[in-house]
C-alpha cells in the first residue's frame, strides 16, 4: 500500500513541473491541467502546494473572487531558488483577484420589519466574529440583546438566523463573515524564495493569523498586495532557537485591518477585549528578523504595534534582530483605540535597525525604541491622540525609551539615534523612563506643538542623554522656553545648553510651509525664510565611537521627501526646503 501511495504521489508531483505556469479561475475545474488560461484549475489544494518546484508560477484570474473560510496554504518545507523562485500572482485585466478566508452569505434575505433583514445561520453569535457589508465592517449588537433591541447598523445571531439592521435590503450586496474558528491563512517553515504579489487577501479568524511562520525562512517577497478584514494578528514570524527569518521584503502593500468607529467598544462590551481586539500586531517578528525590508506600505487600523521587532522570552541562543529597514511607509492608527507605529524592543541583540522616511499619523504612541545602535531619522511624526481604551495605559509620546524586564533580561535603549525628524502635536514628544536608559543621541529634530508639560521628558535620575541642535516651538518664545525639558524646566535655554551633554538647542518657529491642512495635506517642508535651513549639526562631527550607528545614517542621509541633506550643514527637522 505504501508503494502504491508513493507512486500516486510521484505521478501528481510530475504534473507540477519546474518552470511551468499554472492558471486558476473561479470558472475553472481542478480536473484541468491548469497549464493555460483556457484550461484553468479552480482551487489551490494541499496536494498542489506540496508538489510545487522551483520556478513554478501560480496565477489567479483578475476580477475573480474566491471565498472559503477553511482555506489554508501551507508552504512548510517548500522552496524555490534564487534563480527560480516560486511565484504566486495574477493574470488577465481588471482588479486584482480576491482570495478570502471569509464566509460569503448567499442565502435569500427575509424582510422581518422594523429595518431588520435576516438569513438562516448555522453558527453562534460568539463564533460569528466580524461581519462586513460591501467591504465595510458592521458592529455586533450586544450578545445579551434581542432583535427588537438592535441598534441601527449592527448585526446579531439569534435562534438560527443572522440579522442585519439599518442597512435596507441587503439583497445583491456583498455580505462576508469572519468566523472565530480556523487556522492561519498561510504558513511557512523551512521555506525560502517564494514571492506573492498582485492579490487581494481578506479574512482570518480571531484565533489565528494571516501568516504564521516558524524559523527558518528566507527570501520571501510580499508585493502589491491588499490585505484586510483580519481578525487577529496579520503575521507572526517566530524563532524559538538560533534559526532566523532572513531577507524578507514587504513592498507597496495596503494592509488595512478594516475596523470602523464603534467596533472596538462594541466588541469589548461583548467580552472580547483580548489580544485579537486591541493587541493584534500587523507585522510581528518575535525573537527574529534580519535584513527584513518594509518599504512603501500603507498600514491602517491595527492594534498594539503595527510593525514589531521584539524579544519575548529570548533564549541564550536566540538570533540577533538586526539590519532591518522600515522606510517610506504610511502609518495611521485609523479607528483603532490603541496603537503604536513600530517597536524595536529588546536588549543589545536588537541592533542596527533603521526607521526612516516614514509618515506616522494619529497614534496613541508612535514607538517603543529600545535595543542598541538603532536609528530613527528623516521621518514625520504627526499628532498623538489619547487612547479611549479604558483597559490600556495612556502613553501619548511619539517615542519612548521605556525599559522593562522580561524573564530576567533588562531591555534598554543604548546608543540609539533620533536625528533629523519632525515631531508635531503630542503630549510629549520623547519620553525617557527609569535609571536603566543608556546614553542616546537626540539631534537636529524639530519639536513642535506639544500639549502636555514638556517636549522631552528626561528625568534627572537617568543616564544623561545627548541632546544637540534641536528646535523647540510651542507657539511663543515664553511658552516654549518654560516647557522644553522635564527636570530642567527651571533652567534658561543658555543653562540647558551649558549642561555636559546638551548644546546648540534653540527656541524658534521653524516656519513650516503649511501644517493647517491636516492629515495627508500638510506640508512640513521649511519655508525659504526659515532660520533653520542649513543650520543643523554636521553629521560628520558626531563621534562614531560613542554612537556607532551614525554610520547607518551617513550611508544614506536624506530627508522625508528623498532629498539629500548636506553632511556639513544639514537642515534641522525631517523635511528641508526644496533648494536645501
Protein backbone atom coordinates (compact mmCIF):
# COMPACT_ATOMS: atom_id res chain seq x y z
CA UNK A 1 0.00 0.00 0.00
CA UNK A 2 2.84 2.39 0.82
CA UNK A 3 4.35 1.72 -2.60
CA UNK A 4 1.04 2.49 -4.29
CA UNK A 5 0.79 5.79 -2.38
CA UNK A 6 4.35 6.68 -3.31
CA UNK A 7 3.66 6.02 -6.98
CA UNK A 8 0.49 8.12 -6.92
CA UNK A 9 2.31 10.99 -5.20
CA UNK A 10 5.13 10.87 -7.72
CA UNK A 11 2.61 10.90 -10.57
CA UNK A 12 0.96 14.01 -9.10
CA UNK A 13 4.31 15.64 -8.45
CA UNK A 14 5.27 15.10 -12.06
CA UNK A 15 2.16 17.08 -13.02
CA UNK A 16 3.66 20.16 -11.33
CA UNK A 17 6.80 20.67 -13.36
CA UNK A 18 9.55 23.18 -12.79
CA UNK A 19 9.23 26.35 -14.89
CA UNK A 20 5.53 25.67 -15.55
CA UNK A 21 2.86 28.34 -15.15
CA UNK A 22 -0.47 27.26 -13.65
CA UNK A 23 -3.69 29.26 -14.09
CA UNK A 24 -6.59 29.42 -11.66
CA UNK A 25 -10.09 30.84 -12.11
CA UNK A 26 -13.38 30.50 -10.23
CA UNK A 27 -14.80 29.16 -13.51
CA UNK A 28 -12.04 26.55 -13.72
CA UNK A 29 -12.00 22.87 -12.80
CA UNK A 30 -9.39 21.03 -10.78
CA UNK A 31 -9.54 18.23 -13.31
CA UNK A 32 -7.88 20.59 -15.81
CA UNK A 33 -4.09 20.66 -16.07
CA UNK A 34 -4.12 24.43 -15.49
CA UNK A 35 -1.32 25.00 -18.00
CA UNK A 36 -3.18 27.67 -19.96
CA UNK A 37 -5.74 30.38 -19.27
CA UNK A 38 -8.18 28.35 -21.36
CA UNK A 39 -7.83 25.29 -19.07
CA UNK A 40 -7.58 26.79 -15.57
CA UNK A 41 -7.82 24.96 -12.32
CA UNK A 42 -10.25 26.30 -9.71
CA UNK A 43 -8.72 25.92 -6.23
CA UNK A 44 -5.24 25.54 -4.77
CA UNK A 45 -5.17 22.28 -2.83
CA UNK A 46 -2.72 20.99 -0.25
CA UNK A 47 -1.52 18.39 -2.75
CA UNK A 48 -0.84 21.07 -5.35
CA UNK A 49 1.28 23.14 -2.95
CA UNK A 50 3.18 20.08 -1.73
CA UNK A 51 4.21 19.35 -5.30
CA UNK A 52 5.49 22.85 -6.15
CA UNK A 53 9.00 23.08 -7.58
CA UNK A 54 11.46 25.97 -8.08
CA UNK A 55 10.37 28.14 -10.98
CA UNK A 56 6.65 27.31 -10.77
CA UNK A 57 4.30 30.26 -11.37
CA UNK A 58 0.77 30.17 -9.97
CA UNK A 59 -1.56 32.84 -11.39
CA UNK A 60 -5.12 33.81 -10.39
CA UNK A 61 -7.52 35.49 -12.79
CA UNK A 62 -8.05 39.18 -12.21
CA UNK A 63 -11.65 40.03 -11.39
CA UNK A 64 -12.35 36.62 -9.82
CA UNK A 65 -13.24 36.19 -6.13
CA UNK A 66 -12.74 33.06 -4.05
CA UNK A 67 -14.47 32.61 -0.65
CA UNK A 68 -13.51 29.70 1.57
CA UNK A 69 -13.46 30.08 5.37
CA UNK A 70 -11.33 26.91 5.62
CA UNK A 71 -8.67 27.88 3.08
CA UNK A 72 -5.06 27.25 4.09
CA UNK A 73 -1.81 27.46 2.15
CA UNK A 74 0.97 25.62 3.96
CA UNK A 75 4.41 26.19 2.44
CA UNK A 76 6.33 24.27 5.11
CA UNK A 77 9.39 22.62 3.54
CA UNK A 78 8.51 24.22 0.18
CA UNK A 79 11.14 26.41 -1.50
CA UNK A 80 12.13 27.96 -4.76
CA UNK A 81 15.68 29.02 -5.55
CA UNK A 82 17.50 32.31 -6.13
CA UNK A 83 17.38 31.72 -9.89
CA UNK A 84 13.89 30.23 -9.93
CA UNK A 85 11.64 31.42 -7.08
CA UNK A 86 8.14 30.08 -6.66
CA UNK A 87 5.75 32.83 -7.73
CA UNK A 88 2.08 33.48 -6.87
CA UNK A 89 0.46 36.34 -8.79
CA UNK A 90 -2.29 37.38 -11.21
CA UNK A 91 -3.14 37.27 -14.90
CA UNK A 92 -5.63 38.99 -17.18
CA UNK A 93 -7.05 42.50 -16.88
CA UNK A 94 -9.17 44.19 -14.24
CA UNK A 95 -8.97 44.29 -10.46
CA UNK A 96 -6.58 42.01 -8.64
CA UNK A 97 -8.04 38.61 -7.76
CA UNK A 98 -9.63 38.34 -4.30
CA UNK A 99 -8.92 35.30 -2.14
CA UNK A 100 -10.99 35.45 1.05
CA UNK A 101 -10.86 33.31 4.16
CA UNK A 102 -14.40 34.50 4.81
CA UNK A 103 -17.85 33.01 4.65
CA UNK A 104 -19.93 34.64 1.91
CA UNK A 105 -23.64 34.96 2.69
CA UNK A 106 -25.53 33.51 -0.29
CA UNK A 107 -28.94 32.70 1.24
CA UNK A 108 -32.07 34.73 0.40
CA UNK A 109 -32.65 37.65 2.76
CA UNK A 110 -36.01 37.89 4.55
CA UNK A 111 -37.65 41.19 5.46
CA UNK A 112 -38.51 40.97 9.18
CA UNK A 113 -39.78 44.54 9.51
CA UNK A 114 -38.54 47.50 11.52
CA UNK A 115 -35.39 47.69 9.37
CA UNK A 116 -34.36 44.08 10.11
CA UNK A 117 -33.36 41.57 7.45
CA UNK A 118 -32.24 38.01 8.15
CA UNK A 119 -30.98 34.78 6.63
CA UNK A 120 -30.71 31.25 8.07
CA UNK A 121 -27.45 30.88 10.05
CA UNK A 122 -25.91 27.71 11.45
CA UNK A 123 -23.36 29.32 13.79
CA UNK A 124 -23.36 31.15 17.12
CA UNK A 125 -23.01 34.87 17.81
CA UNK A 126 -19.72 34.27 19.63
CA UNK A 127 -18.29 32.43 16.63
CA UNK A 128 -19.63 34.98 14.14
CA UNK A 129 -16.75 37.26 14.92
CA UNK A 130 -16.94 40.08 12.39
CA UNK A 131 -19.27 40.93 9.54
CA UNK A 132 -18.59 43.12 6.52
CA UNK A 133 -21.19 44.62 4.22
CA UNK A 134 -19.76 45.89 0.95
CA UNK A 135 -16.28 45.74 2.49
CA UNK A 136 -17.24 47.91 5.48
CA UNK A 137 -17.28 46.43 8.97
CA UNK A 138 -20.55 46.16 10.86
CA UNK A 139 -20.56 46.41 14.65
CA UNK A 140 -22.03 43.48 16.59
CA UNK A 141 -25.10 44.00 18.73
CA UNK A 142 -24.73 43.05 22.39
CA UNK A 143 -24.68 39.30 22.98
CA UNK A 144 -27.38 39.76 25.59
CA UNK A 145 -29.53 41.77 23.21
CA UNK A 146 -32.64 40.88 21.29
CA UNK A 147 -33.66 41.53 17.72
CA UNK A 148 -36.10 44.17 18.88
CA UNK A 149 -33.37 45.97 20.83
CA UNK A 150 -30.84 46.07 17.98
CA UNK A 151 -29.37 49.45 17.15
CA UNK A 152 -29.13 50.56 13.54
CA UNK A 153 -26.14 49.34 11.56
CA UNK A 154 -25.46 46.29 13.74
CA UNK A 155 -25.74 42.53 13.31
CA UNK A 156 -26.96 39.78 15.63
CA UNK A 157 -27.12 35.99 15.55
CA UNK A 158 -30.12 34.52 17.36
CA UNK A 159 -32.22 31.36 17.11
CA UNK A 160 -30.62 30.11 13.93
CA UNK A 161 -30.71 33.36 11.97
CA UNK A 162 -28.29 36.17 11.14
CA UNK A 163 -29.88 39.63 11.43
CA UNK A 164 -28.79 42.94 9.91
CA UNK A 165 -30.49 46.18 10.90
CA UNK A 166 -30.47 49.66 9.46
CA UNK A 167 -28.95 48.99 6.05
CA UNK A 168 -32.04 48.50 3.97
CA UNK A 169 -32.45 45.43 1.80
CA UNK A 170 -29.05 43.65 1.64
CA UNK A 171 -30.10 41.54 -1.36
CA UNK A 172 -27.45 41.89 -4.03
CA UNK A 173 -24.95 43.30 -1.56
CA UNK A 174 -21.73 41.54 -0.61
CA UNK A 175 -22.03 40.30 2.99
CA UNK A 176 -19.00 38.43 4.35
CA UNK A 177 -18.45 36.91 7.78
CA UNK A 178 -15.19 36.38 9.62
CA UNK A 179 -15.65 33.39 11.93
CA UNK A 180 -13.70 32.70 15.12
CA UNK A 181 -12.62 29.16 14.27
CA UNK A 182 -9.98 28.20 11.74
CA UNK A 183 -6.23 28.17 11.34
CA UNK A 184 -3.81 30.54 9.68
CA UNK A 185 -4.27 31.53 6.05
CA UNK A 186 -0.61 30.99 5.07
CA UNK A 187 2.11 29.07 6.90
CA UNK A 188 5.86 28.96 6.33
CA UNK A 189 8.53 26.80 7.94
CA UNK A 190 11.86 25.94 6.34
CA UNK A 191 10.68 27.93 3.31
CA UNK A 192 12.64 30.22 1.02
CA UNK A 193 12.47 32.06 -2.31
CA UNK A 194 8.69 32.44 -2.53
CA UNK A 195 7.07 35.58 -3.98
CA UNK A 196 3.39 36.55 -3.56
CA UNK A 197 2.13 39.69 -5.31
CA UNK A 198 -0.83 41.40 -7.02
CA UNK A 199 -3.53 39.66 -4.94
CA UNK A 200 -6.19 40.94 -2.53
CA UNK A 201 -6.42 38.75 0.57
CA UNK A 202 -9.29 39.06 3.03
CA UNK A 203 -10.05 37.48 6.37
CA UNK A 204 -8.68 35.36 9.16
CA UNK A 205 -10.32 34.12 12.32
CA UNK A 206 -10.00 35.78 15.72
CA UNK A 207 -7.74 32.99 16.98
CA UNK A 208 -5.35 32.80 14.05
CA UNK A 209 -3.12 34.87 11.80
CA UNK A 210 -2.94 35.69 8.14
CA UNK A 211 0.64 34.38 8.16
CA UNK A 212 2.28 32.26 10.81
CA UNK A 213 5.88 31.23 10.28
CA UNK A 214 8.40 29.22 12.24
CA UNK A 215 12.09 29.74 11.54
CA UNK A 216 13.92 29.31 9.32
CA UNK A 217 12.55 31.25 6.38
CA UNK A 218 14.38 33.46 3.89
CA UNK A 219 13.89 35.47 0.72
CA UNK A 220 10.12 35.79 1.00
CA UNK A 221 8.58 38.65 -1.03
CA UNK A 222 5.14 40.20 -0.44
CA UNK A 223 4.49 42.92 -3.02
CA UNK A 224 1.50 44.93 -4.26
CA UNK A 225 -0.94 43.09 -2.02
CA UNK A 226 -4.09 44.37 -0.39
CA UNK A 227 -4.68 42.60 2.92
CA UNK A 228 -7.74 43.41 5.01
CA UNK A 229 -10.55 42.10 7.26
CA UNK A 230 -8.05 40.44 9.59
CA UNK A 231 -9.44 39.04 12.85
CA UNK A 232 -6.21 38.51 14.78
CA UNK A 233 -2.56 39.25 14.06
CA UNK A 234 -1.62 39.75 10.44
CA UNK A 235 1.70 37.92 10.72
CA UNK A 236 3.78 36.27 13.39
CA UNK A 237 7.31 35.24 12.48
CA UNK A 238 8.67 33.33 15.46
CA UNK A 239 12.08 31.94 16.30
CA UNK A 240 12.38 29.59 19.27
CA UNK A 241 16.08 28.88 18.72
CA UNK A 242 19.09 30.03 16.70
CA UNK A 243 17.31 29.83 13.31
CA UNK A 244 16.09 33.17 11.97
CA UNK A 245 13.77 34.80 9.44
CA UNK A 246 16.07 36.47 6.92
CA UNK A 247 15.77 38.74 3.87
CA UNK A 248 12.03 39.32 3.66
CA UNK A 249 10.61 42.11 1.51
CA UNK A 250 7.26 43.81 2.20
CA UNK A 251 6.77 46.37 -0.57
CA UNK A 252 3.92 48.59 -1.78
CA UNK A 253 1.18 46.77 0.10
CA UNK A 254 -2.04 48.18 1.58
CA UNK A 255 -2.50 46.47 4.93
CA UNK A 256 -5.80 47.55 6.49
CA UNK A 257 -7.45 45.69 9.35
CA UNK A 258 -10.68 47.39 8.19
CA UNK A 259 -12.16 48.35 11.52
CA UNK A 260 -14.57 51.21 11.95
CA UNK A 261 -15.98 53.62 14.52
CA UNK A 262 -17.74 51.97 17.49
CA UNK A 263 -16.47 48.49 16.58
CA UNK A 264 -13.75 48.22 19.23
CA UNK A 265 -16.03 49.37 22.02
CA UNK A 266 -18.90 47.15 20.85
CA UNK A 267 -16.60 44.13 20.83
CA UNK A 268 -15.31 44.93 24.31
CA UNK A 269 -18.88 45.29 25.51
CA UNK A 270 -19.37 41.76 24.23
CA UNK A 271 -16.50 40.48 26.38
CA UNK A 272 -13.97 40.36 23.55
CA UNK A 273 -11.29 42.71 24.90
CA UNK A 274 -8.47 40.28 24.28
CA UNK A 275 -5.33 40.03 22.18
CA UNK A 276 -7.32 39.94 18.98
CA UNK A 277 -9.25 43.13 19.65
CA UNK A 278 -6.67 45.59 20.96
CA UNK A 279 -3.26 43.94 20.78
CA UNK A 280 -3.17 42.47 17.29
CA UNK A 281 0.04 43.50 15.51
CA UNK A 282 0.36 43.76 11.75
CA UNK A 283 3.93 42.55 11.18
CA UNK A 284 5.32 40.83 14.28
CA UNK A 285 8.86 39.44 14.24
CA UNK A 286 9.28 37.74 17.60
CA UNK A 287 12.87 36.88 18.54
CA UNK A 288 13.51 37.10 14.82
CA UNK A 289 14.22 39.30 11.83
CA UNK A 290 17.39 40.02 9.88
CA UNK A 291 17.64 42.09 6.69
CA UNK A 292 13.85 42.48 6.51
CA UNK A 293 12.88 45.44 4.31
CA UNK A 294 9.45 47.02 4.84
CA UNK A 295 9.07 49.71 2.18
CA UNK A 296 6.31 51.81 0.66
CA UNK A 297 3.40 50.22 2.51
CA UNK A 298 0.22 51.73 3.93
CA UNK A 299 -0.73 50.43 7.38
CA UNK A 300 -4.06 51.39 8.96
CA UNK A 301 -6.38 50.29 11.78
CA UNK A 302 -4.02 48.00 13.70
CA UNK A 303 -3.92 47.37 17.43
CA UNK A 304 -0.94 47.36 19.81
CA UNK A 305 2.02 47.70 17.40
CA UNK A 306 1.90 47.88 13.63
CA UNK A 307 5.46 46.68 12.94
CA UNK A 308 7.07 44.93 15.87
CA UNK A 309 10.62 43.60 16.12
CA UNK A 310 10.60 42.26 19.65
CA UNK A 311 12.31 39.91 22.03
CA UNK A 312 9.88 37.77 24.03
CA UNK A 313 11.39 35.29 26.48
CA UNK A 314 14.64 35.09 24.46
CA UNK A 315 16.94 32.09 24.80
CA UNK A 316 20.68 32.27 25.17
CA UNK A 317 20.94 31.19 21.53
CA UNK A 318 18.16 33.42 20.19
CA UNK A 319 19.24 35.18 16.98
CA UNK A 320 20.01 38.87 16.79
CA UNK A 321 17.28 41.15 15.43
CA UNK A 322 19.34 43.35 13.14
CA UNK A 323 19.79 45.17 9.83
CA UNK A 324 16.04 45.59 9.32
CA UNK A 325 14.82 48.67 7.42
CA UNK A 326 11.42 50.37 7.61
CA UNK A 327 11.21 53.14 5.02
CA UNK A 328 8.74 55.23 3.02
CA UNK A 329 5.70 53.76 4.80
CA UNK A 330 2.50 55.45 5.90
CA UNK A 331 1.27 54.53 9.39
CA UNK A 332 -2.21 55.59 10.52
CA UNK A 333 -3.97 54.32 13.62
CA UNK A 334 -7.33 54.83 11.94
CA UNK A 335 -10.22 53.66 14.12
CA UNK A 336 -8.07 51.57 16.43
CA UNK A 337 -8.25 52.67 20.05
CA UNK A 338 -4.67 51.70 20.93
CA UNK A 339 -1.75 51.51 18.55
CA UNK A 340 1.88 52.46 18.02
CA UNK A 341 3.57 52.53 14.63
CA UNK A 342 6.68 50.48 15.35
CA UNK A 343 8.73 48.86 18.05
CA UNK A 344 12.38 47.87 18.36
CA UNK A 345 12.25 46.15 21.72
CA UNK A 346 14.95 44.07 23.41
CA UNK A 347 18.48 44.06 24.71
CA UNK A 348 21.64 44.66 22.70
CA UNK A 349 20.72 41.78 20.38
CA UNK A 350 18.19 44.17 18.81
CA UNK A 351 20.65 46.32 16.92
CA UNK A 352 21.47 48.24 13.73
CA UNK A 353 17.83 48.63 12.66
CA UNK A 354 16.63 51.65 10.65
CA UNK A 355 13.33 53.59 10.66
CA UNK A 356 13.47 56.36 8.03
CA UNK A 357 11.35 58.44 5.61
CA UNK A 358 8.04 57.32 7.17
CA UNK A 359 4.88 59.34 7.83
CA UNK A 360 3.32 58.45 11.18
CA UNK A 361 -0.08 59.96 11.90
CA UNK A 362 -2.67 59.87 14.69
CA UNK A 363 -1.33 57.17 17.03
CA UNK A 364 -1.72 56.78 20.78
CA UNK A 365 2.03 56.11 20.91
CA UNK A 366 4.39 56.15 17.95
CA UNK A 367 7.21 53.89 19.11
CA UNK A 368 8.91 51.88 21.83
CA UNK A 369 12.57 52.37 20.96
CA UNK A 370 14.98 50.09 22.81
CA UNK A 371 17.92 47.86 21.90
CA UNK A 372 21.30 49.20 20.83
CA UNK A 373 22.66 51.19 17.88
CA UNK A 374 19.31 51.64 16.13
CA UNK A 375 18.41 54.81 14.21
CA UNK A 376 15.28 56.88 13.53
CA UNK A 377 15.77 59.70 11.01
CA UNK A 378 14.08 61.61 8.20
CA UNK A 379 10.54 60.92 9.46
CA UNK A 380 7.41 63.00 10.04
CA UNK A 381 5.62 62.18 13.32
CA UNK A 382 2.27 63.94 13.12
CA UNK A 383 -0.23 64.14 16.00
CA UNK A 384 -0.56 61.91 19.04
CA UNK A 385 -4.07 61.14 20.36
CA UNK A 386 -5.17 59.83 23.74
CA UNK A 387 -6.39 56.24 23.84
CA UNK A 388 -10.08 55.69 24.57
CA UNK A 389 -9.48 52.06 25.50
CA UNK A 390 -10.04 52.11 29.24
CA UNK A 391 -8.09 48.86 29.70
CA UNK A 392 -4.90 50.36 28.26
CA UNK A 393 -2.32 52.70 29.77
CA UNK A 394 -2.03 56.21 28.39
CA UNK A 395 1.29 56.55 26.57
CA UNK A 396 0.94 59.72 24.48
CA UNK A 397 4.55 60.06 23.36
CA UNK A 398 5.92 59.90 19.87
CA UNK A 399 8.96 57.88 21.01
CA UNK A 400 9.79 56.46 24.39
CA UNK A 401 12.81 54.83 25.96
CA UNK A 402 10.83 52.78 28.48
CA UNK A 403 13.00 49.92 29.73
CA UNK A 404 11.35 46.83 31.13
CA UNK A 405 12.44 43.48 32.46
CA UNK A 406 11.27 40.22 30.92
CA UNK A 407 12.39 36.80 32.11
CA UNK A 408 15.37 38.31 33.88
CA UNK A 409 16.55 40.28 30.82
CA UNK A 410 16.54 44.09 31.04
CA UNK A 411 15.65 45.76 27.78
CA UNK A 412 17.20 49.21 27.49
CA UNK A 413 18.00 51.89 24.92
CA UNK A 414 21.73 52.17 24.32
CA UNK A 415 23.45 54.43 21.78
CA UNK A 416 20.25 54.77 19.74
CA UNK A 417 19.98 57.84 17.50
CA UNK A 418 16.92 60.05 16.84
CA UNK A 419 18.04 62.57 14.25
CA UNK A 420 16.51 64.92 11.68
CA UNK A 421 12.87 64.16 12.39
CA UNK A 422 9.88 66.48 12.62
CA UNK A 423 7.62 65.89 15.65
CA UNK A 424 4.28 67.69 15.59
CA UNK A 425 1.45 67.52 18.13
CA UNK A 426 1.84 65.28 21.18
CA UNK A 427 1.57 65.44 24.94
CA UNK A 428 5.29 64.74 24.98
CA UNK A 429 7.49 64.05 22.01
CA UNK A 430 10.19 61.89 23.59
CA UNK A 431 9.96 60.26 26.99
CA UNK A 432 12.84 58.62 28.85
CA UNK A 433 11.99 56.42 31.82
CA UNK A 434 13.96 54.95 34.74
CA UNK A 435 17.65 54.85 35.51
CA UNK A 436 18.23 51.95 33.10
CA UNK A 437 18.34 54.10 29.95
CA UNK A 438 21.74 54.30 28.31
CA UNK A 439 23.11 57.34 26.54
CA UNK A 440 21.20 58.08 23.33
CA UNK A 441 21.60 60.87 20.77
CA UNK A 442 18.73 63.27 20.04
CA UNK A 443 19.90 65.80 17.43
CA UNK A 444 18.69 68.08 14.62
CA UNK A 445 15.00 67.45 15.34
CA UNK A 446 12.07 69.86 15.34
CA UNK A 447 9.72 69.53 18.34
CA UNK A 448 6.54 71.48 17.63
CA UNK A 449 3.17 71.90 19.36
CA UNK A 450 3.09 69.69 22.43
CA UNK A 451 0.04 69.93 24.67
CA UNK A 452 1.43 68.27 27.79
CA UNK A 453 4.01 69.52 30.21
CA UNK A 454 7.20 69.02 28.22
CA UNK A 455 8.54 68.34 24.75
CA UNK A 456 11.15 65.97 26.15
CA UNK A 457 10.84 64.10 29.43
CA UNK A 458 14.30 63.25 30.70
CA UNK A 459 14.20 62.66 34.48
CA UNK A 460 17.20 63.71 36.50
CA UNK A 461 17.92 60.14 37.66
CA UNK A 462 18.58 58.66 34.20
CA UNK A 463 21.84 58.43 32.32
CA UNK A 464 22.34 61.85 30.70
CA UNK A 465 21.02 61.89 27.13
CA UNK A 466 22.93 63.71 24.40
CA UNK A 467 20.58 66.44 23.16
CA UNK A 468 22.10 68.61 20.42
CA UNK A 469 20.90 71.30 18.00
CA UNK A 470 17.16 70.70 18.27
CA UNK A 471 14.45 73.28 17.60
CA UNK A 472 11.60 73.71 20.11
CA UNK A 473 8.44 75.67 19.36
CA UNK A 474 5.13 75.72 21.18
CA UNK A 475 3.53 78.86 19.87
CA UNK A 476 5.61 81.56 21.54
CA UNK A 477 9.05 82.14 22.96
CA UNK A 478 7.73 82.23 26.52
CA UNK A 479 5.62 79.08 26.29
CA UNK A 480 8.44 77.16 24.69
CA UNK A 481 11.17 78.38 27.00
CA UNK A 482 9.44 77.10 30.13
CA UNK A 483 8.25 73.76 28.79
CA UNK A 484 11.20 72.27 26.94
CA UNK A 485 12.74 69.52 29.01
CA UNK A 486 11.37 68.00 32.19
CA UNK A 487 13.71 68.20 35.21
CA UNK A 488 15.37 71.15 33.51
CA UNK A 489 12.29 73.37 33.24
CA UNK A 490 13.65 75.88 35.76
CA UNK A 491 16.76 76.49 33.71
CA UNK A 492 17.15 79.05 30.96
CA UNK A 493 17.95 77.93 27.45
CA UNK A 494 21.56 79.03 27.91
CA UNK A 495 21.79 76.98 31.13
CA UNK A 496 20.34 73.91 29.39
CA UNK A 497 22.88 74.19 26.60
CA UNK A 498 25.66 74.50 29.18
CA UNK A 499 24.91 71.03 30.56
CA UNK A 500 27.63 68.48 29.67
CA UNK A 501 25.55 66.54 27.11
CA UNK A 502 23.30 69.32 25.79
CA UNK A 503 24.20 72.14 23.42
CA UNK A 504 23.02 74.06 20.39
CA UNK A 505 19.30 73.74 21.19
CA UNK A 506 17.16 76.74 20.19
CA UNK A 507 13.68 78.15 20.56
CA UNK A 508 12.04 79.39 17.37
CA UNK A 509 9.30 78.98 14.80
CA UNK A 510 10.56 76.56 12.14
CA UNK A 511 8.20 78.13 9.56
CA UNK A 512 6.59 75.08 8.01
CA UNK A 513 5.07 75.64 4.58
CA UNK A 514 1.60 74.55 5.72
CA UNK A 515 0.56 72.38 8.66
CA UNK A 516 -3.01 73.67 8.92
CA UNK A 517 -4.31 71.48 6.11
CA UNK A 518 -4.49 68.37 8.30
CA UNK A 519 -3.71 64.73 7.71
CA UNK A 520 -2.32 63.92 4.30
CA UNK A 521 -2.34 67.53 3.12
CA UNK A 522 0.11 69.25 5.48
CA UNK A 523 3.50 70.26 4.12
CA UNK A 524 6.26 70.02 6.70
CA UNK A 525 8.93 71.50 4.46
CA UNK A 526 10.54 74.65 5.77
CA UNK A 527 9.88 77.95 4.05
CA UNK A 528 12.80 79.62 2.32
CA UNK A 529 12.87 82.20 5.12
CA UNK A 530 13.27 79.62 7.92
CA UNK A 531 16.35 80.25 10.07
CA UNK A 532 16.87 76.50 10.41
CA UNK A 533 17.78 75.71 6.82
CA UNK A 534 21.40 74.52 6.72
CA UNK A 535 21.59 75.16 10.47
CA UNK A 536 21.97 71.63 11.81
CA UNK A 537 24.80 69.81 13.48
CA UNK A 538 27.23 68.32 10.99
CA UNK A 539 26.67 64.60 10.77
CA UNK A 540 30.40 64.13 10.28
CA UNK A 541 31.07 65.76 13.66
CA UNK A 542 29.31 63.03 15.59
CA UNK A 543 31.72 60.61 17.24
CA UNK A 544 31.27 57.15 15.72
CA UNK A 545 32.92 55.56 18.73
CA UNK A 546 30.24 56.92 21.05
CA UNK A 547 27.40 56.41 18.54
CA UNK A 548 28.43 53.70 16.04
CA UNK A 549 25.03 53.74 14.30
CA UNK A 550 25.78 57.18 12.86
CA UNK A 551 27.44 55.24 10.03
CA UNK A 552 23.98 53.91 9.05
CA UNK A 553 22.73 57.48 8.58
CA UNK A 554 25.83 58.72 6.75
CA UNK A 555 25.37 55.97 4.15
CA UNK A 556 22.02 57.47 3.00
CA UNK A 557 21.38 60.86 4.61
CA UNK A 558 18.12 62.03 3.00
CA UNK A 559 15.06 63.86 4.27
CA UNK A 560 11.46 62.62 4.27
CA UNK A 561 10.94 63.72 0.66
CA UNK A 562 14.07 61.94 -0.58
CA UNK A 563 16.27 65.00 -0.89
CA UNK A 564 19.84 64.63 0.27
CA UNK A 565 20.96 66.52 3.36
CA UNK A 566 24.26 68.37 3.25
CA UNK A 567 26.54 66.49 5.64
CA UNK A 568 28.38 69.57 6.88
CA UNK A 569 25.30 71.76 7.37
CA UNK A 570 22.02 69.82 7.21
CA UNK A 571 18.65 71.45 7.63
CA UNK A 572 17.05 70.79 11.01
CA UNK A 573 13.98 68.55 11.04
CA UNK A 574 12.75 65.77 8.81
CA UNK A 575 11.88 67.83 5.73
CA UNK A 576 14.02 70.53 4.19
CA UNK A 577 13.24 73.31 1.73
CA UNK A 578 13.42 72.06 -1.87
CA UNK A 579 16.60 74.02 -2.54
CA UNK A 580 18.31 72.71 0.60
